[in-house]
C-alpha atoms as a PDB file:
ATOM      1  CA  MET A   1     168.953  31.133 105.273  1.00  0.00           C
ATOM      2  CA  GLY A   2     171.124  33.584 107.192  1.00  0.00           C
ATOM      3  CA  GLY A   3     168.390  36.210 107.491  1.00  0.00           C
ATOM      4  CA  SER A   4     165.928  33.842 109.169  1.00  0.00           C
ATOM      5  CA  LEU A   5     168.355  32.194 111.589  1.00  0.00           C
ATOM      6  CA  VAL A   6     167.342  32.237 115.228  1.00  0.00           C
ATOM      7  CA  ILE A   7     170.281  33.823 117.033  1.00  0.00           C
ATOM      8  CA  THR A   8     170.990  32.535 120.539  1.00  0.00           C
ATOM      9  CA  GLY A   9     173.126  34.090 123.235  1.00  0.00           C
ATOM     10  CA  THR A  10     172.665  37.657 122.001  1.00  0.00           C
ATOM     11  CA  TRP A  11     172.316  40.729 124.171  1.00  0.00           C
ATOM     12  CA  PRO A  12     168.944  42.451 124.716  1.00  0.00           C
ATOM     13  CA  LEU A  13     168.192  45.575 122.709  1.00  0.00           C
ATOM     14  CA  VAL A  14     169.167  48.227 125.291  1.00  0.00           C
ATOM     15  CA  PRO A  15     172.615  46.772 126.137  1.00  0.00           C
ATOM     16  CA  SER A  16     173.167  46.274 122.394  1.00  0.00           C
ATOM     17  CA  VAL A  17     172.459  49.937 121.654  1.00  0.00           C
ATOM     18  CA  ILE A  18     174.698  51.015 124.578  1.00  0.00           C
ATOM     19  CA  ALA A  19     177.509  48.815 123.207  1.00  0.00           C
ATOM     20  CA  LEU A  20     177.171  50.379 119.756  1.00  0.00           C
ATOM     21  CA  LEU A  21     177.254  53.906 121.230  1.00  0.00           C
ATOM     22  CA  ALA A  22     180.307  53.080 123.382  1.00  0.00           C
ATOM     23  CA  ALA A  23     182.119  51.757 120.300  1.00  0.00           C
ATOM     24  CA  LEU A  24     181.181  54.944 118.443  1.00  0.00           C
ATOM     25  CA  VAL A  25     182.704  57.177 121.148  1.00  0.00           C
ATOM     26  CA  ALA A  26     185.935  55.161 121.262  1.00  0.00           C
ATOM     27  CA  ILE A  27     186.293  55.368 117.477  1.00  0.00           C
ATOM     28  CA  LEU A  28     185.715  59.123 117.456  1.00  0.00           C
ATOM     29  CA  LEU A  29     188.442  59.625 120.060  1.00  0.00           C
ATOM     30  CA  ALA A  30     191.020  57.431 118.302  1.00  0.00           C
ATOM     31  CA  GLY A  31     190.478  58.387 114.641  1.00  0.00           C
ATOM     32  CA  GLY A  32     192.291  61.732 114.436  1.00  0.00           C
ATOM     33  CA  ALA A  33     195.339  60.432 116.300  1.00  0.00           C
ATOM     34  CA  LEU A  34     195.519  57.496 113.890  1.00  0.00           C
ATOM     35  CA  ALA A  35     195.697  59.767 110.831  1.00  0.00           C
ATOM     36  CA  ARG A  36     198.414  61.982 112.318  1.00  0.00           C
ATOM     37  CA  THR A  37     200.492  58.997 113.451  1.00  0.00           C
ATOM     38  CA  ALA A  38     200.229  57.220 110.088  1.00  0.00           C
ATOM     39  CA  ASP A  39     201.066  60.410 108.180  1.00  0.00           C
ATOM     40  CA  GLU A  40     204.250  60.935 110.181  1.00  0.00           C
ATOM     41  CA  LEU A  41     205.237  57.278 109.833  1.00  0.00           C
ATOM     42  CA  ALA A  42     204.710  57.554 106.051  1.00  0.00           C
ATOM     43  CA  ASP A  43     207.160  60.456 105.958  1.00  0.00           C
ATOM     44  CA  ARG A  44     209.692  59.152 108.463  1.00  0.00           C
ATOM     45  CA  THR A  45     209.915  55.622 107.016  1.00  0.00           C
ATOM     46  CA  GLY A  46     209.723  56.632 103.343  1.00  0.00           C
ATOM     47  CA  MET A  47     206.881  54.242 102.552  1.00  0.00           C
ATOM     48  CA  GLY A  48     204.714  57.037 101.083  1.00  0.00           C
ATOM     49  CA  GLU A  49     201.169  58.111 101.840  1.00  0.00           C
ATOM     50  CA  ALA A  50     199.393  55.696  99.477  1.00  0.00           C
ATOM     51  CA  VAL A  51     201.142  52.632 100.919  1.00  0.00           C
ATOM     52  CA  ALA A  52     200.859  53.881 104.518  1.00  0.00           C
ATOM     53  CA  GLY A  53     197.158  54.527 103.991  1.00  0.00           C
ATOM     54  CA  ALA A  54     196.614  51.089 102.492  1.00  0.00           C
ATOM     55  CA  LEU A  55     198.698  49.058 104.948  1.00  0.00           C
ATOM     56  CA  LEU A  56     198.785  51.005 108.221  1.00  0.00           C
ATOM     57  CA  LEU A  57     195.492  52.867 108.326  1.00  0.00           C
ATOM     58  CA  GLY A  58     193.701  50.302 106.180  1.00  0.00           C
ATOM     59  CA  ALA A  59     194.652  47.481 108.526  1.00  0.00           C
ATOM     60  CA  VAL A  60     193.958  49.296 111.788  1.00  0.00           C
ATOM     61  CA  THR A  61     190.640  50.830 110.767  1.00  0.00           C
ATOM     62  CA  SER A  62     189.417  47.436 109.518  1.00  0.00           C
ATOM     63  CA  LEU A  63     189.901  45.731 112.898  1.00  0.00           C
ATOM     64  CA  PRO A  64     186.356  46.431 114.191  1.00  0.00           C
ATOM     65  CA  GLY A  65     184.905  44.942 111.022  1.00  0.00           C
ATOM     66  CA  ILE A  66     187.055  41.819 111.365  1.00  0.00           C
ATOM     67  CA  ALA A  67     185.749  41.144 114.872  1.00  0.00           C
ATOM     68  CA  THR A  68     182.149  41.834 113.833  1.00  0.00           C
ATOM     69  CA  THR A  69     182.399  39.530 110.815  1.00  0.00           C
ATOM     70  CA  VAL A  70     183.969  36.647 112.745  1.00  0.00           C
ATOM     71  CA  ILE A  71     181.337  36.938 115.492  1.00  0.00           C
ATOM     72  CA  GLY A  72     178.611  36.700 112.849  1.00  0.00           C
ATOM     73  CA  SER A  73     180.201  33.576 111.339  1.00  0.00           C
ATOM     74  CA  VAL A  74     180.785  31.876 114.689  1.00  0.00           C
ATOM     75  CA  ARG A  75     177.128  32.559 115.569  1.00  0.00           C
ATOM     76  CA  GLN A  76     176.258  30.989 112.189  1.00  0.00           C
ATOM     77  CA  ASP A  77     174.456  34.008 110.758  1.00  0.00           C
ATOM     78  CA  ALA A  78     175.839  33.769 107.229  1.00  0.00           C
ATOM     79  CA  GLU A  79     173.988  36.766 105.823  1.00  0.00           C
ATOM     80  CA  PHE A  80     175.135  39.075 108.650  1.00  0.00           C
ATOM     81  CA  ALA A  81     178.732  37.844 108.364  1.00  0.00           C
ATOM     82  CA  LEU A  82     178.890  38.504 104.615  1.00  0.00           C
ATOM     83  CA  ALA A  83     177.011  41.811 104.732  1.00  0.00           C
ATOM     84  CA  ASN A  84     179.517  43.339 107.156  1.00  0.00           C
ATOM     85  CA  PRO A  85     182.693  43.265 105.021  1.00  0.00           C
ATOM     86  CA  ILE A  86     180.901  44.037 101.748  1.00  0.00           C
ATOM     87  CA  GLY A  87     178.782  46.730 103.388  1.00  0.00           C
ATOM     88  CA  GLY A  88     181.959  48.165 104.882  1.00  0.00           C
ATOM     89  CA  ILE A  89     183.447  48.547 101.412  1.00  0.00           C
ATOM     90  CA  ALA A  90     180.275  50.282 100.219  1.00  0.00           C
ATOM     91  CA  VAL A  91     180.011  52.705 103.159  1.00  0.00           C
ATOM     92  CA  GLN A  92     183.698  53.561 103.088  1.00  0.00           C
ATOM     93  CA  THR A  93     183.460  54.370  99.393  1.00  0.00           C
ATOM     94  CA  VAL A  94     180.603  56.749 100.221  1.00  0.00           C
ATOM     95  CA  TRP A  95     182.915  58.456 102.741  1.00  0.00           C
ATOM     96  CA  LEU A  96     185.001  59.699  99.808  1.00  0.00           C
ATOM     97  CA  ALA A  97     181.998  61.654  98.540  1.00  0.00           C
ATOM     98  CA  ILE A  98     181.790  63.297 101.970  1.00  0.00           C
ATOM     99  CA  ALA A  99     185.493  64.122 101.812  1.00  0.00           C
ATOM    100  CA  ASP A 100     184.877  65.726  98.403  1.00  0.00           C
ATOM    101  CA  LEU A 101     182.369  68.075 100.021  1.00  0.00           C
ATOM    102  CA  LEU A 102     184.851  68.988 102.773  1.00  0.00           C
ATOM    103  CA  TYR A 103     187.785  69.621 100.435  1.00  0.00           C
ATOM    104  CA  ARG A 104     186.752  72.858  98.716  1.00  0.00           C
ATOM    105  CA  ARG A 105     189.899  73.580  96.663  1.00  0.00           C
ATOM    106  CA  SER A 106     189.198  70.966  93.991  1.00  0.00           C
ATOM    107  CA  ASN A 107     187.881  67.478  93.389  1.00  0.00           C
ATOM    108  CA  ILE A 108     189.698  65.241  95.884  1.00  0.00           C
ATOM    109  CA  GLU A 109     190.283  62.467  93.322  1.00  0.00           C
ATOM    110  CA  HIS A 110     191.946  65.081  91.118  1.00  0.00           C
ATOM    111  CA  ALA A 111     194.092  66.525  93.893  1.00  0.00           C
ATOM    112  CA  ALA A 112     195.215  63.132  95.199  1.00  0.00           C
ATOM    113  CA  ALA A 113     196.399  61.818  91.842  1.00  0.00           C
ATOM    114  CA  SER A 114     198.032  58.470  92.566  1.00  0.00           C
ATOM    115  CA  LEU A 115     198.488  55.433  90.364  1.00  0.00           C
ATOM    116  CA  GLU A 116     198.757  53.326  93.526  1.00  0.00           C
ATOM    117  CA  ASN A 117     195.182  54.235  94.433  1.00  0.00           C
ATOM    118  CA  VAL A 118     193.959  53.437  90.906  1.00  0.00           C
ATOM    119  CA  LEU A 119     195.640  50.029  91.083  1.00  0.00           C
ATOM    120  CA  GLN A 120     194.169  49.356  94.536  1.00  0.00           C
ATOM    121  CA  SER A 121     190.660  50.060  93.289  1.00  0.00           C
ATOM    122  CA  LEU A 122     191.148  47.667  90.347  1.00  0.00           C
ATOM    123  CA  VAL A 123     192.468  44.934  92.651  1.00  0.00           C
ATOM    124  CA  LEU A 124     189.398  45.477  94.829  1.00  0.00           C
ATOM    125  CA  VAL A 125     187.107  44.965  91.821  1.00  0.00           C
ATOM    126  CA  ALA A 126     188.861  41.648  91.211  1.00  0.00           C
ATOM    127  CA  LEU A 127     188.429  40.655  94.864  1.00  0.00           C
ATOM    128  CA  LEU A 128     184.711  41.463  94.780  1.00  0.00           C
ATOM    129  CA  CYS A 129     184.205  39.303  91.692  1.00  0.00           C
ATOM    130  CA  LEU A 130     185.206  36.186  93.648  1.00  0.00           C
ATOM    131  CA  PRO A 131     182.162  36.125  95.987  1.00  0.00           C
ATOM    132  CA  VAL A 132     179.924  36.434  92.919  1.00  0.00           C
ATOM    133  CA  VAL A 133     181.522  33.256  91.528  1.00  0.00           C
ATOM    134  CA  ALA A 134     181.064  31.604  94.928  1.00  0.00           C
ATOM    135  CA  TYR A 135     177.372  32.536  95.043  1.00  0.00           C
ATOM    136  CA  ALA A 136     176.938  30.757  91.691  1.00  0.00           C
ATOM    137  CA  THR A 137     178.674  27.580  92.982  1.00  0.00           C
ATOM    138  CA  PRO A 138     177.801  27.495  96.710  1.00  0.00           C
ATOM    139  CA  GLU A 139     178.295  23.753  97.263  1.00  0.00           C
ATOM    140  CA  LEU A 140     181.866  23.656  95.920  1.00  0.00           C
ATOM    141  CA  THR A 141     184.226  23.400  98.930  1.00  0.00           C
ATOM    142  CA  ILE A 142     187.716  22.430 100.034  1.00  0.00           C
ATOM    143  CA  LEU A 143     187.122  21.114 103.548  1.00  0.00           C
ATOM    144  CA  TRP A 144     184.362  23.588 104.481  1.00  0.00           C
ATOM    145  CA  VAL A 145     185.704  26.677 102.640  1.00  0.00           C
ATOM    146  CA  HIS A 146     184.819  27.689  99.092  1.00  0.00           C
ATOM    147  CA  PRO A 147     187.841  27.789  96.706  1.00  0.00           C
ATOM    148  CA  ALA A 148     186.899  31.333  95.671  1.00  0.00           C
ATOM    149  CA  SER A 149     187.363  32.431  99.287  1.00  0.00           C
ATOM    150  CA  LEU A 150     190.811  30.812  99.343  1.00  0.00           C
ATOM    151  CA  LEU A 151     191.789  32.890  96.309  1.00  0.00           C
ATOM    152  CA  ILE A 152     190.968  36.183  98.058  1.00  0.00           C
ATOM    153  CA  PRO A 153     194.170  36.407 100.194  1.00  0.00           C
ATOM    154  CA  VAL A 154     196.245  35.188  97.223  1.00  0.00           C
ATOM    155  CA  ILE A 155     195.004  37.975  94.950  1.00  0.00           C
ATOM    156  CA  TYR A 156     195.285  40.495  97.777  1.00  0.00           C
ATOM    157  CA  LEU A 157     198.946  39.628  98.411  1.00  0.00           C
ATOM    158  CA  TYR A 158     199.734  39.692  94.703  1.00  0.00           C
ATOM    159  CA  GLY A 159     198.097  43.114  94.581  1.00  0.00           C
ATOM    160  CA  LEU A 160     200.574  44.281  97.223  1.00  0.00           C
ATOM    161  CA  VAL A 161     203.432  42.964  95.070  1.00  0.00           C
ATOM    162  CA  LEU A 162     202.081  44.926  92.103  1.00  0.00           C
ATOM    163  CA  LEU A 163     201.667  47.998  94.303  1.00  0.00           C
ATOM    164  CA  ARG A 164     205.308  47.813  95.380  1.00  0.00           C
ATOM    165  CA  ARG A 165     206.444  47.324  91.780  1.00  0.00           C
ATOM    166  CA  LEU A 166     204.346  50.287  90.644  1.00  0.00           C
ATOM    167  CA  ARG A 167     205.831  52.552  93.302  1.00  0.00           C
ATOM    168  CA  ARG A 168     209.378  51.448  92.453  1.00  0.00           C
ATOM    169  CA  GLU A 169     209.061  51.594  88.658  1.00  0.00           C
ATOM    170  CA  PRO A 170     205.919  53.464  87.560  1.00  0.00           C
ATOM    171  CA  MET A 171     205.099  53.109  83.869  1.00  0.00           C
ATOM    172  CA  TRP A 172     202.397  55.801  83.864  1.00  0.00           C
ATOM    173  CA  PHE A 173     202.291  59.242  85.462  1.00  0.00           C
ATOM    174  CA  ALA A 174     199.339  61.403  86.470  1.00  0.00           C
ATOM    175  CA  ARG A 175     199.351  64.818  84.828  1.00  0.00           C
ATOM    176  CA  ARG A 176     200.273  67.480  87.377  1.00  0.00           C
ATOM    177  CA  THR A 177     198.115  70.587  87.668  1.00  0.00           C
ATOM    178  CA  SER A 178     198.012  73.510  90.083  1.00  0.00           C
ATOM    179  CA  ASP A 179     195.477  71.555  92.168  1.00  0.00           C
ATOM    180  CA  THR A 180     197.536  68.350  92.416  1.00  0.00           C
ATOM    181  CA  ARG A 181     198.841  67.645  95.910  1.00  0.00           C
ATOM    182  CA  GLN A 182     202.188  65.844  95.738  1.00  0.00           C
ATOM    183  CA  ASP A 183     203.198  63.271  98.343  1.00  0.00           C
ATOM    184  CA  VAL A 184     206.308  65.083  99.606  1.00  0.00           C
ATOM    185  CA  PRO A 185     207.736  63.806 102.931  1.00  0.00           C
ATOM    186  CA  ALA A 186     207.548  66.480 105.610  1.00  0.00           C
ATOM    187  CA  ALA A 187     210.181  67.154 108.223  1.00  0.00           C
ATOM    188  CA  ALA A 188     209.548  65.556 111.620  1.00  0.00           C
ATOM    189  CA  THR A 189     207.679  68.019 113.819  1.00  0.00           C
ATOM    190  CA  SER A 190     206.471  65.995 116.788  1.00  0.00           C
ATOM    191  CA  GLY A 191     209.905  65.206 118.246  1.00  0.00           C
ATOM    192  CA  VAL A 192     208.737  61.603 118.770  1.00  0.00           C
ATOM    193  CA  SER A 193     210.982  58.736 117.698  1.00  0.00           C
ATOM    194  CA  VAL A 194     209.850  56.334 114.984  1.00  0.00           C
ATOM    195  CA  ARG A 195     209.817  53.547 117.553  1.00  0.00           C
ATOM    196  CA  ARG A 196     207.393  55.468 119.757  1.00  0.00           C
ATOM    197  CA  LEU A 197     205.241  56.225 116.729  1.00  0.00           C
ATOM    198  CA  TRP A 198     204.939  52.490 116.067  1.00  0.00           C
ATOM    199  CA  PHE A 199     203.990  51.889 119.713  1.00  0.00           C
ATOM    200  CA  ARG A 200     201.404  54.658 119.497  1.00  0.00           C
ATOM    201  CA  LEU A 201     199.948  53.099 116.351  1.00  0.00           C
ATOM    202  CA  ALA A 202     199.761  49.705 118.097  1.00  0.00           C
ATOM    203  CA  ALA A 203     197.992  51.196 121.129  1.00  0.00           C
ATOM    204  CA  LEU A 204     195.442  52.977 118.953  1.00  0.00           C
ATOM    205  CA  ALA A 205     194.943  49.745 116.995  1.00  0.00           C
ATOM    206  CA  ALA A 206     194.128  47.905 120.242  1.00  0.00           C
ATOM    207  CA  VAL A 207     191.481  50.494 121.125  1.00  0.00           C
ATOM    208  CA  VAL A 208     189.913  50.336 117.671  1.00  0.00           C
ATOM    209  CA  ALA A 209     189.999  46.509 117.643  1.00  0.00           C
ATOM    210  CA  ALA A 210     188.180  46.334 120.983  1.00  0.00           C
ATOM    211  CA  THR A 211     185.261  48.250 119.509  1.00  0.00           C
ATOM    212  CA  GLY A 212     184.695  45.400 117.049  1.00  0.00           C
ATOM    213  CA  LEU A 213     183.629  43.054 119.846  1.00  0.00           C
ATOM    214  CA  LEU A 214     181.049  45.579 121.033  1.00  0.00           C
ATOM    215  CA  ILE A 215     179.778  46.219 117.514  1.00  0.00           C
ATOM    216  CA  GLY A 216     179.488  42.513 116.679  1.00  0.00           C
ATOM    217  CA  GLN A 217     177.521  41.658 119.820  1.00  0.00           C
ATOM    218  CA  GLY A 218     175.468  44.854 119.632  1.00  0.00           C
ATOM    219  CA  GLY A 219     174.630  44.355 115.954  1.00  0.00           C
ATOM    220  CA  LEU A 220     173.440  40.787 116.466  1.00  0.00           C
ATOM    221  CA  GLY A 221     171.424  42.000 119.452  1.00  0.00           C
ATOM    222  CA  VAL A 222     169.655  44.536 117.240  1.00  0.00           C
ATOM    223  CA  VAL A 223     168.941  41.797 114.658  1.00  0.00           C
ATOM    224  CA  ALA A 224     167.409  39.527 117.296  1.00  0.00           C
ATOM    225  CA  ALA A 225     165.378  42.260 119.041  1.00  0.00           C
ATOM    226  CA  SER A 226     164.136  44.168 115.995  1.00  0.00           C
ATOM    227  CA  GLY A 227     163.401  41.342 113.592  1.00  0.00           C
ATOM    228  CA  LEU A 228     165.155  43.214 110.781  1.00  0.00           C
ATOM    229  CA  PRO A 229     166.919  41.066 108.130  1.00  0.00           C
ATOM    230  CA  SER A 230     170.498  40.208 109.063  1.00  0.00           C
ATOM    231  CA  GLY A 231     171.821  41.346 105.714  1.00  0.00           C
ATOM    232  CA  PHE A 232     170.136  44.735 106.002  1.00  0.00           C
ATOM    233  CA  VAL A 233     171.490  45.357 109.536  1.00  0.00           C
ATOM    234  CA  GLY A 234     174.954  44.151 108.524  1.00  0.00           C
ATOM    235  CA  PHE A 235     175.036  46.224 105.337  1.00  0.00           C
ATOM    236  CA  THR A 236     173.805  49.439 106.986  1.00  0.00           C
ATOM    237  CA  LEU A 237     173.901  49.784 110.790  1.00  0.00           C
ATOM    238  CA  THR A 238     176.930  47.807 111.933  1.00  0.00           C
ATOM    239  CA  THR A 239     179.053  48.671 108.907  1.00  0.00           C
ATOM    240  CA  ALA A 240     178.274  52.363 109.364  1.00  0.00           C
ATOM    241  CA  ILE A 241     179.840  52.099 112.834  1.00  0.00           C
ATOM    242  CA  THR A 242     182.725  49.764 111.979  1.00  0.00           C
ATOM    243  CA  SER A 243     183.564  52.063 109.053  1.00  0.00           C
ATOM    244  CA  LEU A 244     183.688  55.216 111.175  1.00  0.00           C
ATOM    245  CA  PRO A 245     187.464  54.854 111.769  1.00  0.00           C
ATOM    246  CA  GLU A 246     187.931  55.257 108.007  1.00  0.00           C
ATOM    247  CA  LEU A 247     185.700  58.348 107.972  1.00  0.00           C
ATOM    248  CA  ILE A 248     187.386  60.001 110.964  1.00  0.00           C
ATOM    249  CA  THR A 249     190.894  59.311 109.669  1.00  0.00           C
ATOM    250  CA  LEU A 250     189.877  60.417 106.159  1.00  0.00           C
ATOM    251  CA  ILE A 251     188.588  63.759 107.447  1.00  0.00           C
ATOM    252  CA  ALA A 252     191.721  64.193 109.590  1.00  0.00           C
ATOM    253  CA  ALA A 253     193.939  63.395 106.583  1.00  0.00           C
ATOM    254  CA  VAL A 254     192.099  65.962 104.445  1.00  0.00           C
ATOM    255  CA  ARG A 255     192.524  68.605 107.139  1.00  0.00           C
ATOM    256  CA  ILE A 256     196.287  68.089 107.363  1.00  0.00           C
ATOM    257  CA  GLY A 257     196.602  67.986 103.557  1.00  0.00           C
ATOM    258  CA  ALA A 258     197.505  64.275 103.329  1.00  0.00           C
ATOM    259  CA  LEU A 259     194.989  63.551 100.578  1.00  0.00           C
ATOM    260  CA  THR A 260     196.769  60.522  99.108  1.00  0.00           C
ATOM    261  CA  LEU A 261     196.983  59.038 102.616  1.00  0.00           C
ATOM    262  CA  GLY A 262     193.240  59.558 103.097  1.00  0.00           C
ATOM    263  CA  ILE A 263     192.201  57.891  99.850  1.00  0.00           C
ATOM    264  CA  GLY A 264     194.782  55.138 100.402  1.00  0.00           C
ATOM    265  CA  ASN A 265     193.207  54.563 103.830  1.00  0.00           C
ATOM    266  CA  ILE A 266     189.771  54.036 102.251  1.00  0.00           C
ATOM    267  CA  LEU A 267     191.013  51.765  99.481  1.00  0.00           C
ATOM    268  CA  GLY A 268     193.324  49.873 101.839  1.00  0.00           C
ATOM    269  CA  GLY A 269     190.490  49.432 104.321  1.00  0.00           C
ATOM    270  CA  ASN A 270     188.275  48.187 101.513  1.00  0.00           C
ATOM    271  CA  ALA A 271     190.891  45.618 100.513  1.00  0.00           C
ATOM    272  CA  PHE A 272     191.124  44.411 104.111  1.00  0.00           C
ATOM    273  CA  ASP A 273     187.338  44.173 104.194  1.00  0.00           C
ATOM    274  CA  ALA A 274     187.536  41.934 101.131  1.00  0.00           C
ATOM    275  CA  LEU A 275     189.931  39.726 103.111  1.00  0.00           C
ATOM    276  CA  MET A 276     187.205  39.474 105.761  1.00  0.00           C
ATOM    277  CA  ILE A 277     185.051  37.579 103.260  1.00  0.00           C
ATOM    278  CA  PHE A 278     187.670  34.831 103.417  1.00  0.00           C
ATOM    279  CA  LEU A 279     187.631  35.001 107.247  1.00  0.00           C
ATOM    280  CA  ALA A 280     183.830  34.832 107.259  1.00  0.00           C
ATOM    281  CA  ASP A 281     183.890  31.651 105.176  1.00  0.00           C
ATOM    282  CA  ALA A 282     186.723  30.112 107.192  1.00  0.00           C
ATOM    283  CA  ALA A 283     184.993  30.810 110.531  1.00  0.00           C
ATOM    284  CA  TYR A 284     181.671  29.400 109.304  1.00  0.00           C
ATOM    285  CA  ARG A 285     182.186  25.717 110.123  1.00  0.00           C
ATOM    286  CA  PRO A 286     178.923  24.100 108.859  1.00  0.00           C
ATOM    287  CA  GLY A 287     180.125  24.479 105.240  1.00  0.00           C
ATOM    288  CA  SER A 288     180.494  27.126 102.586  1.00  0.00           C
ATOM    289  CA  ILE A 289     179.002  30.347 103.909  1.00  0.00           C
ATOM    290  CA  TYR A 290     177.599  31.121 100.450  1.00  0.00           C
ATOM    291  CA  SER A 291     175.272  28.114 100.615  1.00  0.00           C
ATOM    292  CA  GLU A 292     173.461  29.645 103.611  1.00  0.00           C
ATOM    293  CA  ALA A 293     173.393  33.336 102.673  1.00  0.00           C
ATOM    294  CA  ASN A 294     170.411  34.375 100.571  1.00  0.00           C
ATOM    295  CA  LEU A 295     170.436  36.290  97.291  1.00  0.00           C
ATOM    296  CA  SER A 296     170.586  39.687  99.018  1.00  0.00           C
ATOM    297  CA  GLY A 297     174.312  38.998  99.305  1.00  0.00           C
ATOM    298  CA  LEU A 298     174.574  38.800  95.523  1.00  0.00           C
ATOM    299  CA  LEU A 299     172.714  42.115  95.285  1.00  0.00           C
ATOM    300  CA  PHE A 300     174.968  44.101  97.611  1.00  0.00           C
ATOM    301  CA  THR A 301     178.123  42.462  96.233  1.00  0.00           C
ATOM    302  CA  GLY A 302     177.232  43.481  92.678  1.00  0.00           C
ATOM    303  CA  MET A 303     176.273  47.024  93.675  1.00  0.00           C
ATOM    304  CA  THR A 304     179.439  47.454  95.753  1.00  0.00           C
ATOM    305  CA  THR A 305     181.512  46.330  92.757  1.00  0.00           C
ATOM    306  CA  LEU A 306     179.717  48.981  90.700  1.00  0.00           C
ATOM    307  CA  MET A 307     180.582  51.629  93.314  1.00  0.00           C
ATOM    308  CA  THR A 308     184.245  50.607  93.262  1.00  0.00           C
ATOM    309  CA  ALA A 309     184.394  50.702  89.468  1.00  0.00           C
ATOM    310  CA  THR A 310     182.825  54.185  89.567  1.00  0.00           C
ATOM    311  CA  LEU A 311     185.515  55.316  92.009  1.00  0.00           C
ATOM    312  CA  ALA A 312     188.240  53.888  89.763  1.00  0.00           C
ATOM    313  CA  ALA A 313     186.792  55.817  86.826  1.00  0.00           C
ATOM    314  CA  GLY A 314     186.781  58.991  88.923  1.00  0.00           C
ATOM    315  CA  LEU A 315     190.432  58.490  89.862  1.00  0.00           C
ATOM    316  CA  ILE A 316     191.334  58.139  86.191  1.00  0.00           C
ATOM    317  CA  ILE A 317     189.148  60.920  84.725  1.00  0.00           C
ATOM    318  CA  ARG A 318     190.068  63.367  87.540  1.00  0.00           C
ATOM    319  CA  GLU A 319     187.384  65.991  87.132  1.00  0.00           C
ATOM    320  CA  ARG A 320     188.941  69.169  88.418  1.00  0.00           C
ATOM    321  CA  ARG A 321     186.098  71.016  90.149  1.00  0.00           C
ATOM    322  CA  GLY A 322     183.204  70.024  92.369  1.00  0.00           C
ATOM    323  CA  ILE A 323     182.504  66.531  93.580  1.00  0.00           C
ATOM    324  CA  GLY A 324     182.654  65.048  90.084  1.00  0.00           C
ATOM    325  CA  PHE A 325     180.431  62.368  88.574  1.00  0.00           C
ATOM    326  CA  GLU A 326     181.801  59.759  90.983  1.00  0.00           C
ATOM    327  CA  GLY A 327     180.986  61.861  94.044  1.00  0.00           C
ATOM    328  CA  ALA A 328     177.358  62.077  92.917  1.00  0.00           C
ATOM    329  CA  ALA A 329     176.988  58.520  91.587  1.00  0.00           C
ATOM    330  CA  ILE A 330     178.495  56.567  94.502  1.00  0.00           C
ATOM    331  CA  PRO A 331     176.010  57.749  97.198  1.00  0.00           C
ATOM    332  CA  LEU A 332     173.112  57.198  94.759  1.00  0.00           C
ATOM    333  CA  ILE A 333     174.237  53.617  94.082  1.00  0.00           C
ATOM    334  CA  TYR A 334     174.496  53.001  97.833  1.00  0.00           C
ATOM    335  CA  LEU A 335     171.003  54.386  98.506  1.00  0.00           C
ATOM    336  CA  ALA A 336     169.596  52.302  95.650  1.00  0.00           C
ATOM    337  CA  THR A 337     171.171  49.204  97.213  1.00  0.00           C
ATOM    338  CA  VAL A 338     169.580  49.913 100.607  1.00  0.00           C
ATOM    339  CA  VAL A 339     166.161  50.439  98.987  1.00  0.00           C
ATOM    340  CA  LEU A 340     166.455  47.211  96.980  1.00  0.00           C
ATOM    341  CA  LEU A 341     167.425  45.293 100.116  1.00  0.00           C
ATOM    342  CA  LEU A 342     164.241  46.546 101.798  1.00  0.00           C
ATOM    343  CA  VAL A 343     161.815  45.968  98.936  1.00  0.00           C
ATOM    344  CA  ARG A 344     163.132  42.708  97.452  1.00  0.00           C
ATOM    345  CA  PRO A 345     160.939  39.689  98.267  1.00  0.00           C
ATOM    346  CA  GLY A 346     162.220  37.080 100.692  1.00  0.00           C
END
């Protein structure tokens, strides 16, 4: 099983902790600049905040998690490799509850009314259902990859097609209230050309991506030195760090009033994390990664799906004041998952 695998070639505990702290500092420095750059690109290119959050911020802020997940698969720790992307989705969903506390004017899901974000959350639920199917049929493979993993990028890309169609020809509209923040393109204020904005985004992406190597090696070092289960470390410690770009950019987006961009960043990052499940399986060469991961993976996949469905309900119901039922329920579901991971036998 992935949690009992003896990991070779890992760093000792102290260098591992130093690597995790160094990655944390780099992420903190890059996060705010990422949100401002993506917000201006959303306005200058006309792609809109929801799409820019999903594609630009979602892709860039997921880079550390991609590196961490692939390192876990290459080192043949199946449980760690699967816990990272799914744990990333869970932690990043919790970040929205934090954003609700910071945004005092109204419930953030109410203010950032966007059908694109509702659709993204529903696509994510579909993506999370696929690993559950794979856990039930772990020996079914094409070459060494489970067919359910191969479907993940297909459904993700089709979700992007639906997202584009929805933006072009919406069939439903969110009711506008005095608390609704519309995605209205702002005039360029930085004096920087669009080309330079793209270069800036690429440079920040390189910095954020480099942190993934440190987090992957540091996380596996903590697993080896502490004796903690791989799934628990992957679902909590390393994903908390790899998901910090989403938190920093979300807070920055809330501060500049780009609420739809912020939520789109979380949902887009979550969708990219779902793509990492495919990468984890593809990089795990001994066979289907689901055949080696223990049942804790089924636990945190199911609970993360529940968190995503709760968020989707919050986006639809749009409670006007306070953090709403979703802001209270999502952190409680996450904490329950962590407790169950600790107390479950095996």
